[in-house]
């Protein structure tokens, strides 16, 4: 029998997702700030190279930071709610024999 996840309770799930969205809002703000700083630093050091260079840099930094923060936020959500503890490991008996 599979144990129930704490995220099956709507109240716990709503609290966890609200916390996740709060983390993502802060990370969006940090990402926009970092992208602006990076583009300004690149412009001051290189001048006007090409507009495509600055667009690619902004998109690359922005996408990387937002994807990383989204995945780390999901790890925190899963671990913080106890969802990780309710997983059944079918190989647990094999590991204990070693």
N, C-alpha and C. Protein backbone atom coordinates (compact mmCIF):
# COMPACT_ATOMS: atom_id res chain seq x y z
N UNK A 1 0.83 -1.18 0.00
CA UNK A 1 0.00 0.00 0.00
C UNK A 1 0.89 1.25 0.00
N UNK A 2 0.53 2.19 -0.81
CA UNK A 2 1.29 3.42 -0.93
C UNK A 2 0.79 4.42 0.11
N UNK A 3 1.69 4.98 0.93
CA UNK A 3 1.25 5.97 1.92
C UNK A 3 0.81 7.26 1.23
N UNK A 4 -0.10 7.95 1.89
CA UNK A 4 -0.61 9.22 1.35
C UNK A 4 0.42 10.32 1.51
N UNK A 5 0.49 11.16 0.52
CA UNK A 5 1.38 12.31 0.56
C UNK A 5 0.72 13.44 1.33
N UNK A 6 1.50 14.23 2.07
CA UNK A 6 0.92 15.42 2.71
C UNK A 6 0.35 16.41 1.70
N UNK A 7 0.79 16.34 0.45
CA UNK A 7 0.26 17.24 -0.58
C UNK A 7 -1.12 16.81 -1.06
N UNK A 8 -1.60 15.63 -0.63
CA UNK A 8 -2.96 15.22 -0.98
C UNK A 8 -4.00 16.03 -0.21
N UNK A 9 -3.60 16.60 0.92
CA UNK A 9 -4.50 17.47 1.69
C UNK A 9 -4.54 18.84 1.02
N UNK A 10 -5.72 19.32 0.62
CA UNK A 10 -5.80 20.60 -0.11
C UNK A 10 -5.24 21.78 0.67
N UNK A 11 -5.40 21.77 1.99
CA UNK A 11 -4.90 22.89 2.79
C UNK A 11 -3.37 22.92 2.78
N UNK A 12 -2.73 21.76 2.96
CA UNK A 12 -1.27 21.69 2.90
C UNK A 12 -0.75 22.03 1.51
N UNK A 13 -1.45 21.53 0.50
CA UNK A 13 -1.03 21.80 -0.87
C UNK A 13 -1.13 23.29 -1.20
N UNK A 14 -2.21 23.93 -0.76
CA UNK A 14 -2.37 25.37 -1.02
C UNK A 14 -1.27 26.17 -0.34
N UNK A 15 -0.94 25.80 0.89
CA UNK A 15 0.14 26.49 1.61
C UNK A 15 1.48 26.29 0.91
N UNK A 16 1.75 25.05 0.48
CA UNK A 16 3.03 24.75 -0.18
C UNK A 16 3.15 25.49 -1.51
N UNK A 17 2.08 25.51 -2.30
CA UNK A 17 2.15 26.18 -3.59
C UNK A 17 2.22 27.70 -3.44
N UNK A 18 1.59 28.23 -2.40
CA UNK A 18 1.69 29.68 -2.14
C UNK A 18 3.13 30.04 -1.79
N UNK A 19 3.76 29.20 -0.99
CA UNK A 19 5.18 29.42 -0.64
C UNK A 19 6.06 29.33 -1.89
N UNK A 20 5.78 28.35 -2.74
CA UNK A 20 6.54 28.19 -3.99
C UNK A 20 6.40 29.42 -4.87
N UNK A 21 5.19 29.92 -5.02
CA UNK A 21 4.98 31.11 -5.85
C UNK A 21 5.66 32.34 -5.26
N UNK A 22 5.69 32.43 -3.94
CA UNK A 22 6.39 33.55 -3.29
C UNK A 22 7.89 33.46 -3.59
N UNK A 23 8.46 32.27 -3.52
CA UNK A 23 9.88 32.08 -3.86
C UNK A 23 10.13 32.47 -5.32
N UNK A 24 9.23 32.05 -6.21
CA UNK A 24 9.42 32.35 -7.62
C UNK A 24 9.29 33.84 -7.92
N UNK A 25 8.42 34.54 -7.19
CA UNK A 25 8.33 36.00 -7.40
C UNK A 25 9.63 36.69 -7.01
N UNK A 26 10.20 36.29 -5.87
CA UNK A 26 11.47 36.87 -5.44
C UNK A 26 12.58 36.53 -6.44
N UNK A 27 12.58 35.32 -6.95
CA UNK A 27 13.62 34.94 -7.91
C UNK A 27 13.44 35.66 -9.24
N UNK A 28 12.21 35.94 -9.63
CA UNK A 28 11.98 36.73 -10.84
C UNK A 28 12.54 38.13 -10.68
N UNK A 29 12.32 38.72 -9.52
CA UNK A 29 12.85 40.05 -9.23
C UNK A 29 14.39 40.02 -9.25
N UNK A 30 14.98 39.02 -8.62
CA UNK A 30 16.44 38.89 -8.61
C UNK A 30 16.98 38.65 -10.01
N UNK A 31 16.27 37.87 -10.81
CA UNK A 31 16.71 37.58 -12.18
C UNK A 31 16.68 38.84 -13.04
N UNK A 32 15.62 39.59 -12.96
CA UNK A 32 15.53 40.84 -13.75
C UNK A 32 16.65 41.79 -13.35
N UNK A 33 16.90 41.90 -12.04
CA UNK A 33 17.99 42.77 -11.58
C UNK A 33 19.35 42.30 -12.07
N UNK A 34 19.59 41.00 -11.99
CA UNK A 34 20.88 40.47 -12.43
C UNK A 34 21.08 40.61 -13.93
N UNK A 35 20.03 40.39 -14.69
CA UNK A 35 20.12 40.54 -16.15
C UNK A 35 20.42 42.00 -16.50
N UNK A 36 19.77 42.93 -15.82
CA UNK A 36 20.03 44.35 -16.09
C UNK A 36 21.48 44.70 -15.76
N UNK A 37 21.97 44.24 -14.63
CA UNK A 37 23.36 44.51 -14.25
C UNK A 37 24.33 43.88 -15.26
N UNK A 38 24.05 42.65 -15.68
CA UNK A 38 24.94 41.97 -16.63
C UNK A 38 24.99 42.70 -17.97
N UNK A 39 23.85 43.14 -18.45
CA UNK A 39 23.82 43.85 -19.74
C UNK A 39 24.54 45.19 -19.62
N UNK A 40 24.37 45.88 -18.51
CA UNK A 40 25.06 47.16 -18.31
C UNK A 40 26.57 46.94 -18.24
N UNK A 41 27.01 45.93 -17.51
CA UNK A 41 28.45 45.65 -17.40
C UNK A 41 29.02 45.28 -18.77
N UNK A 42 28.31 44.47 -19.53
CA UNK A 42 28.78 44.10 -20.87
C UNK A 42 28.83 45.31 -21.80
N UNK A 43 27.85 46.20 -21.71
CA UNK A 43 27.84 47.39 -22.55
C UNK A 43 29.00 48.31 -22.21
N UNK A 44 29.27 48.46 -20.91
CA UNK A 44 30.38 49.34 -20.51
C UNK A 44 31.74 48.77 -20.90
N UNK A 45 31.87 47.45 -20.89
CA UNK A 45 33.18 46.87 -21.21
C UNK A 45 33.39 46.66 -22.71
N UNK A 46 32.31 46.44 -23.48
CA UNK A 46 32.45 46.14 -24.90
C UNK A 46 31.88 47.20 -25.83
N UNK A 47 31.08 48.09 -25.33
CA UNK A 47 30.42 49.06 -26.20
C UNK A 47 29.26 48.40 -26.93
N UNK A 48 28.82 49.05 -27.99
CA UNK A 48 27.70 48.51 -28.75
C UNK A 48 28.22 47.51 -29.78
N UNK A 49 28.22 46.24 -29.40
CA UNK A 49 28.68 45.17 -30.29
C UNK A 49 27.59 44.85 -31.30
N UNK A 50 26.52 44.28 -30.83
CA UNK A 50 25.35 43.95 -31.64
C UNK A 50 24.17 43.81 -30.69
N UNK A 51 23.04 44.23 -31.15
CA UNK A 51 21.87 44.11 -30.29
C UNK A 51 21.54 42.64 -30.03
N UNK A 52 21.86 41.78 -30.98
CA UNK A 52 21.61 40.35 -30.81
C UNK A 52 22.45 39.75 -29.69
N UNK A 53 23.63 40.26 -29.51
CA UNK A 53 24.51 39.82 -28.42
C UNK A 53 23.86 40.09 -27.06
N UNK A 54 23.30 41.28 -26.90
CA UNK A 54 22.68 41.65 -25.63
C UNK A 54 21.37 40.90 -25.41
N UNK A 55 20.61 40.68 -26.48
CA UNK A 55 19.38 39.91 -26.35
C UNK A 55 19.69 38.46 -25.96
N UNK A 56 20.67 37.87 -26.63
CA UNK A 56 21.04 36.49 -26.32
C UNK A 56 21.57 36.35 -24.89
N UNK A 57 22.35 37.32 -24.47
CA UNK A 57 22.88 37.30 -23.10
C UNK A 57 21.75 37.41 -22.09
N UNK A 58 20.84 38.33 -22.31
CA UNK A 58 19.71 38.52 -21.39
C UNK A 58 18.84 37.27 -21.34
N UNK A 59 18.52 36.70 -22.49
CA UNK A 59 17.70 35.50 -22.52
C UNK A 59 18.41 34.30 -21.89
N UNK A 60 19.69 34.16 -22.16
CA UNK A 60 20.44 33.04 -21.60
C UNK A 60 20.53 33.10 -20.08
N UNK A 61 20.88 34.26 -19.56
CA UNK A 61 20.99 34.41 -18.11
C UNK A 61 19.61 34.27 -17.47
N UNK A 62 18.61 34.92 -18.06
CA UNK A 62 17.26 34.88 -17.50
C UNK A 62 16.67 33.48 -17.49
N UNK A 63 16.78 32.78 -18.62
CA UNK A 63 16.24 31.42 -18.70
C UNK A 63 16.95 30.49 -17.73
N UNK A 64 18.27 30.58 -17.66
CA UNK A 64 19.03 29.71 -16.76
C UNK A 64 18.67 29.95 -15.31
N UNK A 65 18.60 31.21 -14.91
CA UNK A 65 18.26 31.50 -13.51
C UNK A 65 16.84 31.09 -13.16
N UNK A 66 15.88 31.35 -14.04
CA UNK A 66 14.50 31.00 -13.73
C UNK A 66 14.29 29.48 -13.73
N UNK A 67 14.91 28.77 -14.65
CA UNK A 67 14.79 27.32 -14.66
C UNK A 67 15.43 26.72 -13.42
N UNK A 68 16.60 27.20 -13.05
CA UNK A 68 17.27 26.70 -11.86
C UNK A 68 16.46 26.99 -10.61
N UNK A 69 15.93 28.18 -10.49
CA UNK A 69 15.15 28.51 -9.30
C UNK A 69 13.83 27.74 -9.27
N UNK A 70 13.23 27.48 -10.41
CA UNK A 70 11.99 26.69 -10.44
C UNK A 70 12.25 25.26 -9.98
N UNK A 71 13.32 24.66 -10.47
CA UNK A 71 13.63 23.29 -10.07
C UNK A 71 14.04 23.20 -8.61
N UNK A 72 14.84 24.14 -8.14
CA UNK A 72 15.21 24.14 -6.72
C UNK A 72 14.00 24.42 -5.84
N UNK A 73 13.10 25.27 -6.28
CA UNK A 73 11.87 25.52 -5.53
C UNK A 73 11.02 24.27 -5.41
N UNK A 74 10.96 23.46 -6.48
CA UNK A 74 10.22 22.21 -6.41
C UNK A 74 10.88 21.22 -5.46
N UNK A 75 12.21 21.22 -5.41
CA UNK A 75 12.91 20.36 -4.45
C UNK A 75 12.58 20.79 -3.03
N UNK A 76 12.59 22.09 -2.77
CA UNK A 76 12.24 22.59 -1.44
C UNK A 76 10.79 22.28 -1.10
N UNK A 77 9.89 22.41 -2.08
CA UNK A 77 8.49 22.11 -1.85
C UNK A 77 8.31 20.64 -1.50
N UNK A 78 8.94 19.77 -2.25
CA UNK A 78 8.81 18.33 -2.02
C UNK A 78 9.40 17.93 -0.68
N UNK A 79 10.55 18.45 -0.35
CA UNK A 79 11.21 18.11 0.90
C UNK A 79 10.52 18.75 2.10
N UNK A 80 10.11 20.00 1.96
CA UNK A 80 9.52 20.72 3.08
C UNK A 80 8.14 20.24 3.49
N UNK A 81 7.40 19.65 2.56
CA UNK A 81 6.06 19.18 2.89
C UNK A 81 6.05 17.74 3.38
N UNK A 82 7.17 17.04 3.25
CA UNK A 82 7.20 15.64 3.65
C UNK A 82 6.82 14.69 2.53
N UNK A 83 6.66 15.22 1.33
CA UNK A 83 6.30 14.38 0.17
C UNK A 83 7.38 13.35 -0.13
N UNK A 84 8.64 13.71 0.11
CA UNK A 84 9.74 12.78 -0.15
C UNK A 84 9.71 11.57 0.77
N UNK A 85 9.17 11.75 1.98
CA UNK A 85 9.18 10.67 2.96
C UNK A 85 8.13 9.60 2.69
N UNK A 86 7.14 9.90 1.85
CA UNK A 86 6.07 8.93 1.63
C UNK A 86 6.31 8.06 0.39
N UNK A 87 7.49 8.10 -0.15
CA UNK A 87 7.81 7.30 -1.33
C UNK A 87 8.16 5.89 -0.90
N UNK A 88 7.63 4.90 -1.61
CA UNK A 88 7.93 3.50 -1.34
C UNK A 88 9.10 3.09 -2.22
N UNK A 89 10.15 2.61 -1.59
CA UNK A 89 11.35 2.19 -2.32
C UNK A 89 11.33 0.67 -2.44
N UNK A 90 11.10 0.14 -3.65
CA UNK A 90 11.04 -1.32 -3.79
C UNK A 90 12.41 -1.99 -3.63
N UNK A 91 13.48 -1.22 -3.73
CA UNK A 91 14.82 -1.77 -3.60
C UNK A 91 15.39 -1.60 -2.20
N UNK A 92 14.59 -1.17 -1.26
CA UNK A 92 15.07 -0.91 0.09
C UNK A 92 15.59 -2.19 0.76
N UNK A 93 14.91 -3.32 0.53
CA UNK A 93 15.35 -4.58 1.13
C UNK A 93 16.69 -5.03 0.55
N UNK A 94 16.89 -4.82 -0.75
CA UNK A 94 18.15 -5.20 -1.37
C UNK A 94 19.31 -4.36 -0.83
N UNK A 95 19.05 -3.09 -0.58
CA UNK A 95 20.10 -2.22 -0.05
C UNK A 95 20.49 -2.61 1.38
N UNK A 96 19.53 -3.07 2.15
CA UNK A 96 19.83 -3.45 3.54
C UNK A 96 20.61 -4.75 3.62
N UNK A 97 20.57 -5.58 2.57
CA UNK A 97 21.30 -6.85 2.58
C UNK A 97 22.79 -6.65 2.29
N UNK A 98 23.16 -5.55 1.73
CA UNK A 98 24.57 -5.31 1.36
C UNK A 98 25.40 -4.95 2.53
